[in-house]
Amino acid sequence: MLLRLVVGLKKSKDGWVLVQELINDGCCTEDSKYQSIGRLKKELKIYLNDDFIENKSKKYRLTLPSENVTFDKKKLCTHPNARIQDIAKKLP
């Protein structure tokens, strides 16, 4: 889910990702969408402030400056998890 939010941050002007996109990409299910976001926030709370994920009307985005988020696309595209690979291919 974090990787999918990074894709939104890097590829769109405002960084928003619709809940349905998270579901379509296999980041969560319809039944677990809010619980999944809550778990992500809880796990990263020790590294980031509480409001690093913003939500508004069935969409989410990272509130971090885009230039502060880095990744190794080549490594992510060869990750053993096919779902990670598919999401990584969407990175710029």
Foldseek 3Di string as FASTA:
>chain_A
DVLLLLLLLQPDPVSKDALVNCCVLVVDHPVCSVVSVVVVLVVCCVPDPNPQWDDDDRIIHGPDHNVVDDDDLVCQLVDPDVSSNVSSVSHD
